[in-house]
Amino acid sequence: MSVDPAYLHALAEECVNLVSRQFGRRLDWSPESLSTLDEVCVDLLADGPLTDERLDLWWQLIGAYTGEVVIRAHGGEWVEHETSPGAPGVSALGVTGFPFGLAARVLDGEPYKSLASFVRALPAIAERTKRD
């Protein structure tokens, strides 16, 4: 997956549509909506791990939506980064985050991983980075 902002935005829009159709939940591009998407991830994993195609689809949709929320909330942009070949990062507030890596960890059912905490923590991480 390369850094094509229009494609990534389209994936994020498809996430909004699919979450609405399949789960009856509304994603509104706000940082708070990532709590709703965290709940959707729990529902997705309720019957066990996702299979290959379904995992790949949701990984792309959730990663793109999470990145778009960060961009809107913190004035960021999609970037390529050497630590995540094949999956773009998001640069905002002087920090680079990896929404696709986070989406993979959430979809793997890793304990204490949260899409919502990612966007909430970014300002604090940026502030700490500036001080250091």
C-alpha atoms as a PDB file:
ATOM      1  CA  MET A   1       0.000   0.000   0.000  1.00  0.00           C
ATOM      2  CA  SER A   2       1.532   3.289  -1.058  1.00  0.00           C
ATOM      3  CA  VAL A   3       0.802   6.786   0.194  1.00  0.00           C
ATOM      4  CA  ASP A   4      -2.135   7.877  -1.940  1.00  0.00           C
ATOM      5  CA  PRO A   5      -4.218  10.226   0.225  1.00  0.00           C
ATOM      6  CA  ALA A   6      -7.279   9.990  -2.043  1.00  0.00           C
ATOM      7  CA  TYR A   7      -7.218   6.174  -1.937  1.00  0.00           C
ATOM      8  CA  LEU A   8      -6.697   6.155   1.824  1.00  0.00           C
ATOM      9  CA  HIS A   9      -9.593   8.573   2.277  1.00  0.00           C
ATOM     10  CA  ALA A  10     -11.786   6.337   0.103  1.00  0.00           C
ATOM     11  CA  LEU A  11     -10.870   3.352   2.293  1.00  0.00           C
ATOM     12  CA  ALA A  12     -11.786   5.373   5.379  1.00  0.00           C
ATOM     13  CA  GLU A  13     -15.143   6.291   3.827  1.00  0.00           C
ATOM     14  CA  GLU A  14     -15.776   2.611   3.095  1.00  0.00           C
ATOM     15  CA  CYS A  15     -15.056   1.894   6.768  1.00  0.00           C
ATOM     16  CA  VAL A  16     -17.751   4.415   7.742  1.00  0.00           C
ATOM     17  CA  ASN A  17     -20.214   2.814   5.321  1.00  0.00           C
ATOM     18  CA  LEU A  18     -19.474  -0.788   6.290  1.00  0.00           C
ATOM     19  CA  VAL A  19     -19.644  -0.079  10.030  1.00  0.00           C
ATOM     20  CA  SER A  20     -23.021   1.575   9.474  1.00  0.00           C
ATOM     21  CA  ARG A  21     -24.382  -1.285   7.321  1.00  0.00           C
ATOM     22  CA  GLN A  22     -23.010  -4.223   9.300  1.00  0.00           C
ATOM     23  CA  PHE A  23     -23.067  -2.892  12.851  1.00  0.00           C
ATOM     24  CA  GLY A  24     -25.601  -0.061  12.804  1.00  0.00           C
ATOM     25  CA  ARG A  25     -23.042   2.309  14.307  1.00  0.00           C
ATOM     26  CA  ARG A  26     -22.117   5.797  13.144  1.00  0.00           C
ATOM     27  CA  LEU A  27     -18.543   6.980  12.639  1.00  0.00           C
ATOM     28  CA  ASP A  28     -18.360  10.787  12.356  1.00  0.00           C
ATOM     29  CA  TRP A  29     -14.606  11.363  11.840  1.00  0.00           C
ATOM     30  CA  SER A  30     -14.162  12.625  15.411  1.00  0.00           C
ATOM     31  CA  PRO A  31     -11.570  11.282  17.863  1.00  0.00           C
ATOM     32  CA  GLU A  32     -14.500  10.047  19.973  1.00  0.00           C
ATOM     33  CA  SER A  33     -15.702   7.884  17.068  1.00  0.00           C
ATOM     34  CA  LEU A  34     -12.606   5.720  17.510  1.00  0.00           C
ATOM     35  CA  SER A  35     -14.171   4.415  20.737  1.00  0.00           C
ATOM     36  CA  THR A  36     -17.071   3.213  18.593  1.00  0.00           C
ATOM     37  CA  LEU A  37     -14.620   1.603  16.181  1.00  0.00           C
ATOM     38  CA  ASP A  38     -12.869  -0.092  19.130  1.00  0.00           C
ATOM     39  CA  GLU A  39     -16.267  -1.584  20.037  1.00  0.00           C
ATOM     40  CA  VAL A  40     -16.750  -2.749  16.448  1.00  0.00           C
ATOM     41  CA  CYS A  41     -13.355  -4.478  16.624  1.00  0.00           C
ATOM     42  CA  VAL A  42     -14.470  -6.336  19.761  1.00  0.00           C
ATOM     43  CA  ASP A  43     -17.616  -7.420  17.892  1.00  0.00           C
ATOM     44  CA  LEU A  44     -15.552  -8.504  14.877  1.00  0.00           C
ATOM     45  CA  LEU A  45     -13.409 -10.729  17.095  1.00  0.00           C
ATOM     46  CA  ALA A  46     -16.295 -12.105  19.181  1.00  0.00           C
ATOM     47  CA  ASP A  47     -16.428 -15.328  17.137  1.00  0.00           C
ATOM     48  CA  GLY A  48     -12.663 -15.782  17.044  1.00  0.00           C
ATOM     49  CA  PRO A  49      -9.816 -14.484  14.891  1.00  0.00           C
ATOM     50  CA  LEU A  50     -10.608 -13.044  11.477  1.00  0.00           C
ATOM     51  CA  THR A  51      -9.644 -15.101   8.437  1.00  0.00           C
ATOM     52  CA  ASP A  52      -7.192 -13.903   5.794  1.00  0.00           C
ATOM     53  CA  GLU A  53      -9.386 -11.914   3.392  1.00  0.00           C
ATOM     54  CA  ARG A  54     -11.647 -10.530   6.093  1.00  0.00           C
ATOM     55  CA  LEU A  55      -8.647  -9.607   8.245  1.00  0.00           C
ATOM     56  CA  ASP A  56      -6.956  -7.836   5.324  1.00  0.00           C
ATOM     57  CA  LEU A  57     -10.138  -5.903   4.482  1.00  0.00           C
ATOM     58  CA  TRP A  58     -10.793  -4.724   8.034  1.00  0.00           C
ATOM     59  CA  TRP A  59      -7.084  -3.967   8.625  1.00  0.00           C
ATOM     60  CA  GLN A  60      -7.115  -1.617   5.640  1.00  0.00           C
ATOM     61  CA  LEU A  61     -10.433   0.032   6.510  1.00  0.00           C
ATOM     62  CA  ILE A  62      -9.646   0.520  10.213  1.00  0.00           C
ATOM     63  CA  GLY A  63      -6.093   1.719   9.578  1.00  0.00           C
ATOM     64  CA  ALA A  64      -7.255   4.240   6.979  1.00  0.00           C
ATOM     65  CA  TYR A  65     -10.110   5.543   9.145  1.00  0.00           C
ATOM     66  CA  THR A  66      -7.881   5.874  12.214  1.00  0.00           C
ATOM     67  CA  GLY A  67      -5.293   7.769  10.167  1.00  0.00           C
ATOM     68  CA  GLU A  68      -7.911  10.095   8.706  1.00  0.00           C
ATOM     69  CA  VAL A  69      -9.231  10.885  12.196  1.00  0.00           C
ATOM     70  CA  VAL A  70      -5.696  11.775  13.337  1.00  0.00           C
ATOM     71  CA  ILE A  71      -5.192  13.958  10.262  1.00  0.00           C
ATOM     72  CA  ARG A  72      -8.462  15.827  10.854  1.00  0.00           C
ATOM     73  CA  ALA A  73      -7.998  16.166  14.613  1.00  0.00           C
ATOM     74  CA  HIS A  74      -4.351  17.226  14.601  1.00  0.00           C
ATOM     75  CA  GLY A  75      -3.677  18.687  11.148  1.00  0.00           C
ATOM     76  CA  GLY A  76      -1.526  15.817   9.941  1.00  0.00           C
ATOM     77  CA  GLU A  77      -0.758  14.086   6.688  1.00  0.00           C
ATOM     78  CA  TRP A  78      -0.119  10.602   5.336  1.00  0.00           C
ATOM     79  CA  VAL A  79       3.589   9.768   4.989  1.00  0.00           C
ATOM     80  CA  GLU A  80       5.829   6.918   3.957  1.00  0.00           C
ATOM     81  CA  HIS A  81       8.139   5.749   6.698  1.00  0.00           C
ATOM     82  CA  GLU A  82      11.022   3.287   6.615  1.00  0.00           C
ATOM     83  CA  THR A  83       9.799   1.479   9.729  1.00  0.00           C
ATOM     84  CA  SER A  84       6.495   0.524   8.096  1.00  0.00           C
ATOM     85  CA  PRO A  85       7.143  -0.498   4.504  1.00  0.00           C
ATOM     86  CA  GLY A  86       3.891  -1.188   2.705  1.00  0.00           C
ATOM     87  CA  ALA A  87       1.723   0.691   5.202  1.00  0.00           C
ATOM     88  CA  PRO A  88       1.721   4.474   5.398  1.00  0.00           C
ATOM     89  CA  GLY A  89       2.140   6.386   8.612  1.00  0.00           C
ATOM     90  CA  VAL A  90       0.539   9.602   9.760  1.00  0.00           C
ATOM     91  CA  SER A  91       2.604  12.637  10.640  1.00  0.00           C
ATOM     92  CA  ALA A  92       0.903  15.064  13.035  1.00  0.00           C
ATOM     93  CA  LEU A  93       2.155  17.432  15.732  1.00  0.00           C
ATOM     94  CA  GLY A  94       5.741  16.531  14.827  1.00  0.00           C
ATOM     95  CA  VAL A  95       5.177  12.834  15.581  1.00  0.00           C
ATOM     96  CA  THR A  96       4.756   9.910  13.189  1.00  0.00           C
ATOM     97  CA  GLY A  97       2.179   7.293  14.128  1.00  0.00           C
ATOM     98  CA  PHE A  98       1.293   4.015  12.483  1.00  0.00           C
ATOM     99  CA  PRO A  99      -2.469   3.485  12.340  1.00  0.00           C
ATOM    100  CA  PHE A 100      -2.181   0.324  10.230  1.00  0.00           C
ATOM    101  CA  GLY A 101       0.204  -1.257  12.725  1.00  0.00           C
ATOM    102  CA  LEU A 102      -2.193  -0.368  15.521  1.00  0.00           C
ATOM    103  CA  ALA A 103      -5.148  -1.743  13.533  1.00  0.00           C
ATOM    104  CA  ALA A 104      -3.276  -5.037  13.081  1.00  0.00           C
ATOM    105  CA  ARG A 105      -2.611  -5.274  16.823  1.00  0.00           C
ATOM    106  CA  VAL A 106      -6.217  -4.460  17.711  1.00  0.00           C
ATOM    107  CA  LEU A 107      -7.495  -7.019  15.194  1.00  0.00           C
ATOM    108  CA  ASP A 108      -5.088  -9.595  16.617  1.00  0.00           C
ATOM    109  CA  GLY A 109      -6.875  -9.086  19.934  1.00  0.00           C
ATOM    110  CA  GLU A 110      -3.822  -7.686  21.705  1.00  0.00           C
ATOM    111  CA  PRO A 111      -4.862  -6.652  25.221  1.00  0.00           C
ATOM    112  CA  TYR A 112      -5.006  -2.953  26.067  1.00  0.00           C
ATOM    113  CA  LYS A 113      -4.669  -1.772  22.462  1.00  0.00           C
ATOM    114  CA  SER A 114      -7.108   0.978  21.562  1.00  0.00           C
ATOM    115  CA  LEU A 115      -7.686   3.093  18.490  1.00  0.00           C
ATOM    116  CA  ALA A 116      -9.224   5.836  20.650  1.00  0.00           C
ATOM    117  CA  SER A 117      -6.233   6.037  22.984  1.00  0.00           C
ATOM    118  CA  PHE A 118      -3.932   6.426  19.964  1.00  0.00           C
ATOM    119  CA  VAL A 119      -5.512   9.708  18.884  1.00  0.00           C
ATOM    120  CA  ARG A 120      -5.928  10.943  22.476  1.00  0.00           C
ATOM    121  CA  ALA A 121      -2.297  10.219  23.383  1.00  0.00           C
ATOM    122  CA  LEU A 122      -0.769  11.920  20.345  1.00  0.00           C
ATOM    123  CA  PRO A 123      -0.692  15.485  21.801  1.00  0.00           C
ATOM    124  CA  ALA A 124       0.986  14.234  24.985  1.00  0.00           C
ATOM    125  CA  ILE A 125       3.541  12.242  22.998  1.00  0.00           C
ATOM    126  CA  ALA A 126       4.252  15.285  20.833  1.00  0.00           C
ATOM    127  CA  GLU A 127       4.713  17.489  23.899  1.00  0.00           C
ATOM    128  CA  ARG A 128       7.066  14.982  25.529  1.00  0.00           C
ATOM    129  CA  THR A 129       9.048  14.660  22.278  1.00  0.00           C
ATOM    130  CA  LYS A 130       9.490  18.458  22.135  1.00  0.00           C
ATOM    131  CA  ARG A 131      10.757  18.536  25.741  1.00  0.00           C
ATOM    132  CA  ASP A 132      13.227  15.695  25.180  1.00  0.00           C
END
